[in-house]
Amino acid sequence: MSENTKEFRKSITDEEVAELPLSFFEGKIHLIEKVEQMTDAVNYLKKQTILGFDTETRPTFKKGQNHQVALLQLSTADEAFLIRTNLIGLSPGLIKVLASPSILKIGVAIRDDIKILQRIAPFKPGGFIELQDLVKDFGIENFSLKKLAAIVTGVRISKTQRLSNWEAHVLTEQQQSYAATDAWIAYHIYIGLTQK
């Protein structure tokens, strides 16, 4: 058997995605809003070999207006860390996680995410895997997180909170669930593609 024996559909329509069961992260969410919360988070994260990765930025509705990244999400199968970078930046320990080649960080359209994180603190990214590149080996032609989730894992994820205010004083439960789900589903897509 060759390495790529798994077969997936090339594409899926929005209508077909809408028929799939809705799935969301149901594990433990750690909302990291204070610098002193980072130590335990980093100790956990640096022991992992695979993390789902995503960021959220407050949406811009005016031309030429840009916001810094507000949230960094890193997730395992059952623990999601939502790090409010707009409040606490990137700690040295967290930068080590982002730079480590031995901790795989899986995401979609990650190049821009990495660039905006590097504006907070410069680091050399290591161990990042772009799902949009990986799925090409399987002949998959849809590249959005939502469609990749549908094709590879057979579930639908909600994108309703995408344009909410990620710099809000308090992140709602819906925002936290959405943010955790985006990183968690990237983790599961990677597992779905790579595990026999």
N, C-alpha and C. Protein backbone atom coordinates (compact mmCIF):
# COMPACT_ATOMS: atom_id res chain seq x y z
N MET A 1 0.84 -1.20 0.00
CA MET A 1 0.00 0.00 0.00
C MET A 1 0.88 1.25 0.00
N SER A 2 0.52 2.19 -0.85
CA SER A 2 1.29 3.43 -0.87
C SER A 2 0.89 4.31 0.32
N GLU A 3 1.67 5.36 0.54
CA GLU A 3 1.42 6.25 1.68
C GLU A 3 0.02 6.87 1.63
N ASN A 4 -0.38 7.33 0.41
CA ASN A 4 -1.65 8.03 0.29
C ASN A 4 -2.78 7.14 -0.18
N THR A 5 -3.18 6.19 0.66
CA THR A 5 -4.24 5.29 0.24
C THR A 5 -5.62 5.81 0.62
N LYS A 6 -5.67 6.81 1.47
CA LYS A 6 -6.97 7.35 1.86
C LYS A 6 -7.56 8.12 0.69
N GLU A 7 -8.87 7.97 0.53
CA GLU A 7 -9.54 8.68 -0.56
C GLU A 7 -10.58 9.61 0.01
N PHE A 8 -10.59 10.82 -0.52
CA PHE A 8 -11.57 11.82 -0.10
C PHE A 8 -12.20 12.42 -1.34
N ARG A 9 -13.38 12.99 -1.16
CA ARG A 9 -14.00 13.72 -2.27
C ARG A 9 -13.13 14.90 -2.64
N LYS A 10 -13.20 15.27 -3.92
CA LYS A 10 -12.43 16.43 -4.37
C LYS A 10 -13.04 17.73 -3.84
N SER A 11 -14.37 17.78 -3.83
CA SER A 11 -15.04 19.02 -3.42
C SER A 11 -16.41 18.72 -2.83
N ILE A 12 -16.99 19.74 -2.23
CA ILE A 12 -18.31 19.61 -1.62
C ILE A 12 -19.04 20.94 -1.79
N THR A 13 -20.34 20.89 -2.02
CA THR A 13 -21.10 22.13 -2.21
C THR A 13 -21.54 22.68 -0.85
N ASP A 14 -21.89 23.97 -0.84
CA ASP A 14 -22.41 24.59 0.39
C ASP A 14 -23.68 23.87 0.85
N GLU A 15 -24.49 23.45 -0.11
CA GLU A 15 -25.75 22.77 0.23
C GLU A 15 -25.47 21.43 0.92
N GLU A 16 -24.44 20.71 0.42
CA GLU A 16 -24.08 19.43 1.04
C GLU A 16 -23.49 19.63 2.44
N VAL A 17 -22.72 20.70 2.59
CA VAL A 17 -22.16 21.01 3.92
C VAL A 17 -23.30 21.27 4.91
N ALA A 18 -24.31 22.02 4.45
CA ALA A 18 -25.45 22.38 5.32
C ALA A 18 -26.20 21.16 5.84
N GLU A 19 -26.12 20.04 5.12
CA GLU A 19 -26.82 18.81 5.53
C GLU A 19 -26.07 18.04 6.62
N LEU A 20 -24.80 18.36 6.81
CA LEU A 20 -23.98 17.58 7.76
C LEU A 20 -24.28 17.95 9.21
N PRO A 21 -24.00 17.03 10.14
CA PRO A 21 -24.24 17.34 11.55
C PRO A 21 -23.29 18.44 12.04
N LEU A 22 -23.82 19.35 12.85
CA LEU A 22 -23.02 20.45 13.40
C LEU A 22 -22.12 19.90 14.49
N SER A 23 -20.85 20.27 14.45
CA SER A 23 -19.91 19.80 15.46
C SER A 23 -19.17 21.00 16.05
N PHE A 24 -18.84 20.92 17.32
CA PHE A 24 -18.07 21.99 17.96
C PHE A 24 -17.24 21.38 19.08
N PHE A 25 -16.25 22.14 19.49
CA PHE A 25 -15.34 21.69 20.54
C PHE A 25 -16.09 21.50 21.85
N GLU A 26 -15.95 20.32 22.43
CA GLU A 26 -16.66 20.04 23.69
C GLU A 26 -15.71 19.75 24.85
N GLY A 27 -14.42 20.00 24.63
CA GLY A 27 -13.44 19.75 25.69
C GLY A 27 -13.32 20.94 26.63
N LYS A 28 -12.19 21.03 27.29
CA LYS A 28 -11.95 22.10 28.28
C LYS A 28 -11.34 23.31 27.59
N ILE A 29 -11.96 24.46 27.78
CA ILE A 29 -11.45 25.71 27.22
C ILE A 29 -10.71 26.49 28.32
N HIS A 30 -9.46 26.84 28.05
CA HIS A 30 -8.67 27.66 28.96
C HIS A 30 -8.58 29.06 28.34
N LEU A 31 -9.22 30.03 28.94
CA LEU A 31 -9.13 31.41 28.46
C LEU A 31 -7.99 32.09 29.21
N ILE A 32 -6.94 32.43 28.48
CA ILE A 32 -5.72 32.99 29.09
C ILE A 32 -5.73 34.50 28.88
N GLU A 33 -6.02 35.23 29.98
CA GLU A 33 -6.15 36.69 29.90
C GLU A 33 -5.12 37.41 30.76
N LYS A 34 -4.40 36.66 31.59
CA LYS A 34 -3.41 37.26 32.49
C LYS A 34 -2.08 36.58 32.29
N VAL A 35 -1.01 37.36 32.39
CA VAL A 35 0.34 36.84 32.17
C VAL A 35 0.62 35.64 33.08
N GLU A 36 0.15 35.70 34.34
CA GLU A 36 0.44 34.60 35.28
C GLU A 36 -0.25 33.28 34.91
N GLN A 37 -1.24 33.34 34.02
CA GLN A 37 -1.89 32.10 33.57
C GLN A 37 -1.06 31.37 32.50
N MET A 38 -0.07 32.07 31.95
CA MET A 38 0.69 31.52 30.82
C MET A 38 1.57 30.34 31.22
N THR A 39 2.11 30.33 32.43
CA THR A 39 3.08 29.30 32.81
C THR A 39 2.48 27.90 32.68
N ASP A 40 1.30 27.69 33.29
CA ASP A 40 0.66 26.37 33.22
C ASP A 40 0.30 26.02 31.77
N ALA A 41 -0.19 27.02 31.04
CA ALA A 41 -0.58 26.79 29.64
C ALA A 41 0.63 26.34 28.82
N VAL A 42 1.74 27.06 28.95
CA VAL A 42 2.95 26.74 28.18
C VAL A 42 3.49 25.36 28.59
N ASN A 43 3.48 25.06 29.89
CA ASN A 43 3.95 23.74 30.35
C ASN A 43 3.17 22.61 29.71
N TYR A 44 1.86 22.81 29.54
CA TYR A 44 1.02 21.81 28.88
C TYR A 44 1.32 21.77 27.37
N LEU A 45 1.35 22.94 26.75
CA LEU A 45 1.51 23.01 25.29
C LEU A 45 2.85 22.44 24.83
N LYS A 46 3.91 22.68 25.59
CA LYS A 46 5.22 22.24 25.12
C LYS A 46 5.40 20.72 25.22
N LYS A 47 4.47 20.03 25.89
CA LYS A 47 4.53 18.56 25.97
C LYS A 47 3.79 17.91 24.79
N GLN A 48 3.10 18.70 23.98
CA GLN A 48 2.28 18.16 22.88
C GLN A 48 3.13 17.97 21.62
N THR A 49 2.67 17.06 20.77
CA THR A 49 3.34 16.87 19.47
C THR A 49 2.52 17.46 18.32
N ILE A 50 1.20 17.56 18.52
CA ILE A 50 0.32 18.12 17.48
C ILE A 50 -0.65 19.10 18.14
N LEU A 51 -0.76 20.30 17.57
CA LEU A 51 -1.71 21.30 18.04
C LEU A 51 -2.46 21.89 16.86
N GLY A 52 -3.77 22.01 17.00
CA GLY A 52 -4.52 22.81 16.04
C GLY A 52 -4.21 24.27 16.31
N PHE A 53 -4.15 25.09 15.26
CA PHE A 53 -3.70 26.48 15.38
C PHE A 53 -4.64 27.41 14.63
N ASP A 54 -4.95 28.55 15.24
CA ASP A 54 -5.71 29.59 14.55
C ASP A 54 -5.53 30.90 15.30
N THR A 55 -5.92 31.99 14.66
CA THR A 55 -5.94 33.29 15.33
C THR A 55 -7.25 33.98 14.98
N GLU A 56 -7.62 34.95 15.80
CA GLU A 56 -8.77 35.80 15.51
C GLU A 56 -8.34 37.25 15.63
N THR A 57 -8.83 38.06 14.72
CA THR A 57 -8.54 39.49 14.71
C THR A 57 -9.86 40.24 14.59
N ARG A 58 -9.96 41.33 15.32
CA ARG A 58 -11.18 42.16 15.21
C ARG A 58 -11.39 42.54 13.75
N PRO A 59 -12.60 42.34 13.23
CA PRO A 59 -12.81 42.65 11.81
C PRO A 59 -12.67 44.14 11.52
N THR A 60 -12.27 44.43 10.29
CA THR A 60 -12.10 45.80 9.84
C THR A 60 -13.18 46.11 8.82
N PHE A 61 -13.87 47.20 9.04
CA PHE A 61 -14.93 47.57 8.10
C PHE A 61 -14.59 48.84 7.33
N LYS A 62 -13.40 49.42 7.63
CA LYS A 62 -12.97 50.62 6.90
C LYS A 62 -11.71 50.31 6.14
N LYS A 63 -11.62 50.84 4.94
CA LYS A 63 -10.43 50.63 4.11
C LYS A 63 -9.20 51.24 4.80
N GLY A 64 -8.10 50.49 4.79
CA GLY A 64 -6.86 51.00 5.37
C GLY A 64 -6.74 50.81 6.87
N GLN A 65 -7.84 50.36 7.50
CA GLN A 65 -7.80 50.14 8.95
C GLN A 65 -7.38 48.69 9.22
N ASN A 66 -6.44 48.51 10.13
CA ASN A 66 -6.00 47.17 10.47
C ASN A 66 -5.93 47.02 11.98
N HIS A 67 -6.24 45.83 12.45
CA HIS A 67 -6.15 45.55 13.88
C HIS A 67 -5.07 44.50 14.11
N GLN A 68 -4.48 44.54 15.30
CA GLN A 68 -3.53 43.49 15.69
C GLN A 68 -4.32 42.21 15.97
N VAL A 69 -3.64 41.09 15.92
CA VAL A 69 -4.30 39.84 16.27
C VAL A 69 -4.73 39.93 17.75
N ALA A 70 -5.97 39.50 18.02
CA ALA A 70 -6.52 39.62 19.37
C ALA A 70 -6.46 38.30 20.14
N LEU A 71 -6.48 37.19 19.39
CA LEU A 71 -6.58 35.89 20.05
C LEU A 71 -5.75 34.87 19.29
N LEU A 72 -5.01 34.06 20.05
CA LEU A 72 -4.27 32.93 19.48
C LEU A 72 -4.89 31.67 20.07
N GLN A 73 -5.28 30.74 19.20
CA GLN A 73 -5.89 29.50 19.67
C GLN A 73 -4.97 28.32 19.37
N LEU A 74 -4.74 27.50 20.37
CA LEU A 74 -3.97 26.25 20.21
C LEU A 74 -4.78 25.15 20.87
N SER A 75 -4.99 24.03 20.16
CA SER A 75 -5.88 23.00 20.69
C SER A 75 -5.34 21.60 20.47
N THR A 76 -5.59 20.74 21.47
CA THR A 76 -5.39 19.30 21.32
C THR A 76 -6.77 18.70 21.07
N ALA A 77 -6.90 17.39 21.19
CA ALA A 77 -8.21 16.75 20.99
C ALA A 77 -9.21 17.19 22.06
N ASP A 78 -8.72 17.49 23.27
CA ASP A 78 -9.68 17.79 24.35
C ASP A 78 -9.35 19.00 25.22
N GLU A 79 -8.31 19.75 24.87
CA GLU A 79 -8.00 20.98 25.61
C GLU A 79 -7.70 22.10 24.61
N ALA A 80 -8.37 23.23 24.79
CA ALA A 80 -8.14 24.37 23.90
C ALA A 80 -7.69 25.57 24.72
N PHE A 81 -6.64 26.23 24.25
CA PHE A 81 -6.09 27.41 24.92
C PHE A 81 -6.37 28.62 24.06
N LEU A 82 -7.11 29.56 24.62
CA LEU A 82 -7.43 30.80 23.92
C LEU A 82 -6.62 31.90 24.58
N ILE A 83 -5.60 32.37 23.90
CA ILE A 83 -4.66 33.31 24.49
C ILE A 83 -4.95 34.71 23.95
N ARG A 84 -5.35 35.61 24.85
CA ARG A 84 -5.75 36.96 24.45
C ARG A 84 -4.50 37.83 24.24
N THR A 85 -3.94 37.70 23.05
CA THR A 85 -2.68 38.38 22.74
C THR A 85 -2.83 39.90 22.78
N ASN A 86 -4.05 40.42 22.56
CA ASN A 86 -4.24 41.87 22.64
C ASN A 86 -4.08 42.37 24.07
N LEU A 87 -4.24 41.49 25.05
CA LEU A 87 -4.09 41.87 26.47
C LEU A 87 -2.72 41.52 27.02
N ILE A 88 -2.17 40.36 26.63
CA ILE A 88 -0.94 39.89 27.27
C ILE A 88 0.23 39.62 26.32
N GLY A 89 0.03 39.83 25.03
CA GLY A 89 1.13 39.62 24.08
C GLY A 89 1.52 38.15 23.98
N LEU A 90 2.77 37.90 23.61
CA LEU A 90 3.29 36.53 23.48
C LEU A 90 4.41 36.36 24.50
N SER A 91 4.25 35.42 25.40
CA SER A 91 5.29 35.20 26.42
C SER A 91 6.48 34.47 25.79
N PRO A 92 7.67 34.57 26.41
CA PRO A 92 8.84 33.85 25.88
C PRO A 92 8.58 32.34 25.74
N GLY A 93 7.86 31.77 26.71
CA GLY A 93 7.55 30.33 26.64
C GLY A 93 6.66 30.00 25.46
N LEU A 94 5.68 30.86 25.21
CA LEU A 94 4.76 30.66 24.09
C LEU A 94 5.51 30.80 22.76
N ILE A 95 6.43 31.75 22.70
CA ILE A 95 7.23 31.92 21.48
C ILE A 95 8.04 30.64 21.20
N LYS A 96 8.54 30.00 22.27
CA LYS A 96 9.27 28.73 22.09
C LYS A 96 8.37 27.66 21.48
N VAL A 97 7.11 27.62 21.91
CA VAL A 97 6.15 26.66 21.34
C VAL A 97 5.94 26.96 19.84
N LEU A 98 5.78 28.23 19.50
CA LEU A 98 5.55 28.63 18.11
C LEU A 98 6.78 28.39 17.23
N ALA A 99 7.95 28.39 17.84
CA ALA A 99 9.19 28.21 17.08
C ALA A 99 9.65 26.75 17.04
N SER A 100 9.05 25.90 17.88
CA SER A 100 9.53 24.52 18.00
C SER A 100 9.19 23.67 16.78
N PRO A 101 10.22 23.08 16.12
CA PRO A 101 9.94 22.20 14.99
C PRO A 101 9.34 20.86 15.43
N SER A 102 9.47 20.52 16.72
CA SER A 102 8.96 19.21 17.16
C SER A 102 7.51 19.27 17.63
N ILE A 103 6.92 20.47 17.69
CA ILE A 103 5.49 20.59 17.98
C ILE A 103 4.80 21.03 16.69
N LEU A 104 4.04 20.12 16.08
CA LEU A 104 3.36 20.47 14.83
C LEU A 104 2.17 21.38 15.14
N LYS A 105 2.07 22.48 14.41
CA LYS A 105 0.95 23.40 14.57
C LYS A 105 0.20 23.44 13.24
N ILE A 106 -1.05 22.98 13.28
CA ILE A 106 -1.81 22.73 12.07
C ILE A 106 -2.87 23.80 11.87
N GLY A 107 -2.92 24.39 10.68
CA GLY A 107 -3.96 25.40 10.45
C GLY A 107 -4.23 25.60 8.97
N VAL A 108 -5.15 26.52 8.70
CA VAL A 108 -5.54 26.87 7.33
C VAL A 108 -5.21 28.33 7.09
N ALA A 109 -4.58 28.63 5.95
CA ALA A 109 -4.18 30.01 5.60
C ALA A 109 -3.36 30.61 6.74
N ILE A 110 -2.33 29.88 7.14
CA ILE A 110 -1.57 30.27 8.35
C ILE A 110 -0.49 31.33 8.09
N ARG A 111 -0.13 31.55 6.84
CA ARG A 111 0.96 32.49 6.56
C ARG A 111 0.67 33.87 7.14
N ASP A 112 -0.55 34.37 6.89
CA ASP A 112 -0.92 35.69 7.41
C ASP A 112 -1.01 35.68 8.93
N ASP A 113 -1.52 34.57 9.50
CA ASP A 113 -1.60 34.45 10.96
C ASP A 113 -0.21 34.58 11.58
N ILE A 114 0.74 33.89 10.99
CA ILE A 114 2.12 33.93 11.52
C ILE A 114 2.67 35.35 11.41
N LYS A 115 2.44 35.99 10.26
CA LYS A 115 2.94 37.36 10.05
C LYS A 115 2.41 38.33 11.10
N ILE A 116 1.11 38.24 11.41
CA ILE A 116 0.56 39.20 12.38
C ILE A 116 1.02 38.86 13.80
N LEU A 117 1.27 37.59 14.08
CA LEU A 117 1.84 37.25 15.39
C LEU A 117 3.27 37.78 15.52
N GLN A 118 4.00 37.75 14.40
CA GLN A 118 5.39 38.24 14.42
C GLN A 118 5.46 39.76 14.64
N ARG A 119 4.34 40.46 14.41
CA ARG A 119 4.30 41.90 14.70
C ARG A 119 4.27 42.13 16.21
N ILE A 120 3.70 41.18 16.96
CA ILE A 120 3.65 41.30 18.43
C ILE A 120 5.04 41.02 19.00
N ALA A 121 5.64 39.93 18.52
CA ALA A 121 6.99 39.56 18.98
C ALA A 121 7.66 38.78 17.86
N PRO A 122 8.87 39.17 17.46
CA PRO A 122 9.52 38.45 16.37
C PRO A 122 9.89 37.02 16.80
N PHE A 123 9.63 36.06 15.94
CA PHE A 123 10.05 34.68 16.19
C PHE A 123 10.21 33.97 14.86
N LYS A 124 11.00 32.90 14.87
CA LYS A 124 11.17 32.09 13.66
C LYS A 124 10.21 30.91 13.76
N PRO A 125 9.17 30.87 12.92
CA PRO A 125 8.18 29.81 13.05
C PRO A 125 8.77 28.44 12.74
N GLY A 126 8.39 27.46 13.53
CA GLY A 126 8.84 26.08 13.30
C GLY A 126 7.68 25.12 13.49
N GLY A 127 7.65 24.07 12.68
CA GLY A 127 6.64 23.03 12.86
C GLY A 127 5.24 23.37 12.39
N PHE A 128 5.10 24.43 11.60
CA PHE A 128 3.76 24.79 11.11
C PHE A 128 3.41 23.96 9.87
N ILE A 129 2.18 23.47 9.82
CA ILE A 129 1.72 22.71 8.66
C ILE A 129 0.46 23.37 8.10
N GLU A 130 0.52 23.72 6.83
CA GLU A 130 -0.58 24.36 6.13
C GLU A 130 -1.48 23.28 5.53
N LEU A 131 -2.70 23.17 6.05
CA LEU A 131 -3.63 22.15 5.55
C LEU A 131 -3.95 22.34 4.08
N GLN A 132 -3.98 23.60 3.61
CA GLN A 132 -4.30 23.84 2.20
C GLN A 132 -3.26 23.19 1.28
N ASP A 133 -2.00 23.12 1.73
CA ASP A 133 -0.98 22.42 0.95
C ASP A 133 -1.11 20.91 1.09
N LEU A 134 -1.33 20.47 2.32
CA LEU A 134 -1.40 19.03 2.60
C LEU A 134 -2.53 18.34 1.83
N VAL A 135 -3.70 18.99 1.74
CA VAL A 135 -4.85 18.32 1.12
C VAL A 135 -4.69 18.17 -0.39
N LYS A 136 -3.80 18.96 -0.99
CA LYS A 136 -3.57 18.82 -2.44
C LYS A 136 -3.07 17.41 -2.77
N ASP A 137 -2.29 16.81 -1.84
CA ASP A 137 -1.79 15.44 -2.06
C ASP A 137 -2.91 14.43 -2.13
N PHE A 138 -4.08 14.78 -1.60
CA PHE A 138 -5.22 13.86 -1.61
C PHE A 138 -6.22 14.23 -2.71
N GLY A 139 -5.85 15.22 -3.54
CA GLY A 139 -6.74 15.63 -4.64
C GLY A 139 -7.90 16.50 -4.20
N ILE A 140 -7.88 16.97 -2.95
CA ILE A 140 -8.98 17.82 -2.46
C ILE A 140 -8.82 19.23 -3.04
N GLU A 141 -9.92 19.77 -3.55
CA GLU A 141 -9.86 21.06 -4.24
C GLU A 141 -10.53 22.20 -3.47
N ASN A 142 -11.20 21.90 -2.35
CA ASN A 142 -11.77 22.95 -1.49
C ASN A 142 -10.78 23.25 -0.38
N PHE A 143 -10.56 24.54 -0.11
CA PHE A 143 -9.50 24.87 0.84
C PHE A 143 -9.96 25.62 2.09
N SER A 144 -11.25 25.96 2.20
CA SER A 144 -11.69 26.65 3.42
C SER A 144 -11.76 25.65 4.57
N LEU A 145 -11.59 26.16 5.78
CA LEU A 145 -11.64 25.29 6.96
C LEU A 145 -12.98 24.56 7.02
N LYS A 146 -14.05 25.29 6.74
CA LYS A 146 -15.39 24.71 6.82
C LYS A 146 -15.54 23.54 5.85
N LYS A 147 -15.07 23.72 4.61
CA LYS A 147 -15.22 22.65 3.61
C LYS A 147 -14.25 21.50 3.87
N LEU A 148 -13.05 21.81 4.36
CA LEU A 148 -12.12 20.73 4.70
C LEU A 148 -12.66 19.89 5.84
N ALA A 149 -13.28 20.56 6.82
CA ALA A 149 -13.89 19.83 7.94
C ALA A 149 -14.97 18.88 7.40
N ALA A 150 -15.77 19.37 6.46
CA ALA A 150 -16.85 18.56 5.89
C ALA A 150 -16.30 17.37 5.12
N ILE A 151 -15.31 17.61 4.26
CA ILE A 151 -14.77 16.55 3.41
C ILE A 151 -14.02 15.50 4.22
N VAL A 152 -13.18 15.94 5.14
CA VAL A 152 -12.28 15.00 5.84
C VAL A 152 -12.93 14.38 7.07
N THR A 153 -13.71 15.18 7.82
CA THR A 153 -14.26 14.65 9.07
C THR A 153 -15.77 14.42 9.02
N GLY A 154 -16.42 14.88 7.95
CA GLY A 154 -17.86 14.62 7.79
C GLY A 154 -18.75 15.44 8.71
N VAL A 155 -18.24 16.59 9.20
CA VAL A 155 -19.06 17.44 10.06
C VAL A 155 -19.08 18.87 9.54
N ARG A 156 -20.04 19.62 10.08
CA ARG A 156 -20.19 21.04 9.73
C ARG A 156 -19.78 21.85 10.95
N ILE A 157 -19.01 22.92 10.72
CA ILE A 157 -18.68 23.83 11.81
C ILE A 157 -19.32 25.17 11.54
N SER A 158 -19.70 25.86 12.61
CA SER A 158 -20.35 27.16 12.47
C SER A 158 -19.32 28.26 12.30
N LYS A 159 -19.61 29.22 11.42
CA LYS A 159 -18.72 30.37 11.24
C LYS A 159 -19.42 31.67 11.65
N THR A 160 -20.47 31.56 12.48
CA THR A 160 -21.30 32.75 12.78
C THR A 160 -20.58 33.81 13.60
N GLN A 161 -19.57 33.43 14.39
CA GLN A 161 -18.90 34.42 15.26
C GLN A 161 -17.69 35.07 14.59
N ARG A 162 -17.41 34.70 13.35
CA ARG A 162 -16.17 35.13 12.70
C ARG A 162 -15.97 36.64 12.73
N LEU A 163 -17.04 37.39 12.49
CA LEU A 163 -16.91 38.85 12.40
C LEU A 163 -17.27 39.56 13.71
N SER A 164 -17.23 38.83 14.81
CA SER A 164 -17.53 39.47 16.09
C SER A 164 -16.30 40.23 16.60
N ASN A 165 -16.48 41.00 17.67
CA ASN A 165 -15.37 41.82 18.19
C ASN A 165 -14.48 40.99 19.11
N TRP A 166 -13.31 40.63 18.59
CA TRP A 166 -12.38 39.79 19.35
C TRP A 166 -11.57 40.59 20.36
N GLU A 167 -11.75 41.91 20.36
CA GLU A 167 -11.08 42.74 21.36
C GLU A 167 -12.04 43.15 22.48
N ALA A 168 -13.24 42.60 22.48
CA ALA A 168 -14.25 42.94 23.50
C ALA A 168 -13.68 42.69 24.90
N HIS A 169 -14.17 43.47 25.86
CA HIS A 169 -13.68 43.33 27.24
C HIS A 169 -13.89 41.90 27.74
N VAL A 170 -15.05 41.33 27.43
CA VAL A 170 -15.36 39.95 27.81
C VAL A 170 -15.69 39.18 26.54
N LEU A 171 -15.05 38.04 26.34
CA LEU A 171 -15.41 37.17 25.21
C LEU A 171 -16.58 36.30 25.62
N THR A 172 -17.62 36.29 24.79
CA THR A 172 -18.82 35.50 25.12
C THR A 172 -18.52 34.00 25.02
N GLU A 173 -19.41 33.21 25.60
CA GLU A 173 -19.26 31.75 25.48
C GLU A 173 -19.29 31.31 24.03
N GLN A 174 -20.13 32.00 23.23
CA GLN A 174 -20.21 31.66 21.80
C GLN A 174 -18.89 31.94 21.10
N GLN A 175 -18.27 33.09 21.43
CA GLN A 175 -16.96 33.40 20.84
C GLN A 175 -15.92 32.37 21.25
N GLN A 176 -15.91 32.02 22.53
CA GLN A 176 -14.93 31.06 23.02
C GLN A 176 -15.11 29.69 22.35
N SER A 177 -16.36 29.26 22.22
CA SER A 177 -16.64 27.98 21.58
C SER A 177 -16.20 27.99 20.12
N TYR A 178 -16.54 29.08 19.42
CA TYR A 178 -16.17 29.23 18.01
C TYR A 178 -14.65 29.19 17.84
N ALA A 179 -13.94 29.97 18.68
CA ALA A 179 -12.48 30.06 18.57
C ALA A 179 -11.82 28.71 18.87
N ALA A 180 -12.31 28.04 19.90
CA ALA A 180 -11.76 26.73 20.25
C ALA A 180 -12.03 25.72 19.13
N THR A 181 -13.22 25.79 18.55
CA THR A 181 -13.59 24.85 17.49
C THR A 181 -12.70 25.00 16.26
N ASP A 182 -12.37 26.24 15.90
CA ASP A 182 -11.54 26.44 14.71
C ASP A 182 -10.17 25.77 14.84
N ALA A 183 -9.55 25.88 16.02
CA ALA A 183 -8.24 25.25 16.21
C ALA A 183 -8.39 23.74 16.35
N TRP A 184 -9.40 23.31 17.08
CA TRP A 184 -9.65 21.88 17.32
C TRP A 184 -9.95 21.13 16.01
N ILE A 185 -10.75 21.74 15.13
CA ILE A 185 -11.11 21.04 13.89
C ILE A 185 -9.89 20.93 12.97
N ALA A 186 -8.99 21.91 13.02
CA ALA A 186 -7.75 21.82 12.22
C ALA A 186 -6.93 20.61 12.70
N TYR A 187 -6.87 20.43 14.00
CA TYR A 187 -6.20 19.26 14.59
C TYR A 187 -6.83 17.97 14.04
N HIS A 188 -8.17 17.91 14.06
CA HIS A 188 -8.86 16.68 13.62
C HIS A 188 -8.74 16.43 12.12
N ILE A 189 -8.71 17.49 11.33
CA ILE A 189 -8.52 17.31 9.88
C ILE A 189 -7.15 16.68 9.63
N TYR A 190 -6.14 17.18 10.32
CA TYR A 190 -4.78 16.63 10.16
C TYR A 190 -4.74 15.15 10.56
N ILE A 191 -5.35 14.83 11.70
CA ILE A 191 -5.40 13.42 12.14
C ILE A 191 -6.13 12.58 11.09
N GLY A 192 -7.25 13.11 10.58
CA GLY A 192 -8.02 12.38 9.56
C GLY A 192 -7.24 12.11 8.28
N LEU A 193 -6.36 13.04 7.93
CA LEU A 193 -5.56 12.90 6.71
C LEU A 193 -4.37 11.96 6.92
N THR A 194 -3.78 11.99 8.12
CA THR A 194 -2.48 11.33 8.29
C THR A 194 -2.52 9.99 9.01
N GLN A 195 -3.57 9.73 9.80
CA GLN A 195 -3.60 8.45 10.54
C GLN A 195 -4.23 7.38 9.68
N LYS A 196 -3.60 6.22 9.70
CA LYS A 196 -4.08 5.10 8.87
C LYS A 196 -5.41 4.56 9.40
